[in-house]
Amino acid sequence: MGADWLRVKADPASRRVTLYGFKGGVGRTSATFLLAERLAETGRCVLVVDLDLESPGIGPLLQTETEAANYGLVDFLIEAALGDHATELDVVARSNKIQVKGNGEVWVAPARGRPRAGYSYLPKLNRIYADLTTAAGGRATFADRLDAAISFCEAQVGSLSRRPDVVLLDSRAGIHDVAAAAISRLSDLTFLFATDNEQTWTGYGDLFQQWADADRATVIRERLRTVAALTPPGSASTYLSRFRDRAQDCFATSLYDDATTWDAEAFNPAPDDVTAPHYAVPILFVGEMVGLDPSARANWQESELIRAAFREFLDWAAELAVGDTND
């Protein structure tokens, strides 16, 4: 367990974006929904993969239960491990909760399949994480198998419509094998959601130090971008200034090059460098989001307050994910 944090892949699949928070409750899943919608509005085909396997969230947010795929990512992982009928499973469905004009599309690969009689999800979770021995005698890590599952989902979307232009991975929070695989091996861009408190900075500091100790800092650091979640709107400027300073300190301690040694090639961005991994873009705190049940409130994302809270993040994240989205 946990080894995939150190197995940083130098050349992960492009156009895969992980959304991750060290702690939960920071609006990551809502941000995933809204980013998928924004990208689809620009004509992109978007695949959203629910990697929060222990607490599936984005799947139900994007798709009504009756229209969901019969099977989910966990089903594919189980069937693929058995060598049985994994490729026969339908594991993606087009979102019916995001409707955009033009040719943009949003597809969802849920963690679990459509609820129905005889379908049991929890027992499968106990069986998916172990590394396996391949038929050729090699070793298939959990990250390898998860990569194969996501690739299958991408191909299935392509067979039903067209290959996804971007894949959003809604990762499980905390120090977990799913997050390790998603950030270290499966995506070439990760949004790190954070709030300005000691628990969060200590947690990210531990992760960063682990990469540094494994000599993977130069491989991973420029694939990371920080999000200041739950930014208080009434004091956003003061809060963000402190947040970015602390984020810069966190990165500089382990992932940035030593600033005391002069080197024109050294990577140690200043606190106010807007292109730096630590330079956080805000998502404003909105009381309307507290306790929100999207299934009971149609078109929740059209609220002006919610749109305003996420606007800066969406403009920035969409451009990083696929380039200029105004073309």
Foldseek 3Di string as FASTA:
>chain_A
DLPLLLQFDLDADAQEEEEEEQDPPQCRLVLVVVLLLLLLQLVFEEEEEQAQLVDWDNQVLFAPLVQWFQFALLVLLVCVLVVHPSLVGDQKGWGPQRDYPDNGTYMYRTSGGRDDPPGDRVVSVVPRQCWDQDPVRHIQHSLNSSLVSVVSVQVVVCVVPRGGPHYYYHHHHHSDPRVSSVQRHHYQAYEYEDEPDDVRLVRLLVSLQSNQVSVNLVSRFLRAAYAHTAQAVVPNVVRLLVQLVSLLVSCQVGNFDDPVDDDPPGGRDDSPDCSGRSNHDYQHHDPVPVPDDCVVPRPPCPDPVNCVRCVRVSCVVSCVSNHHSVD
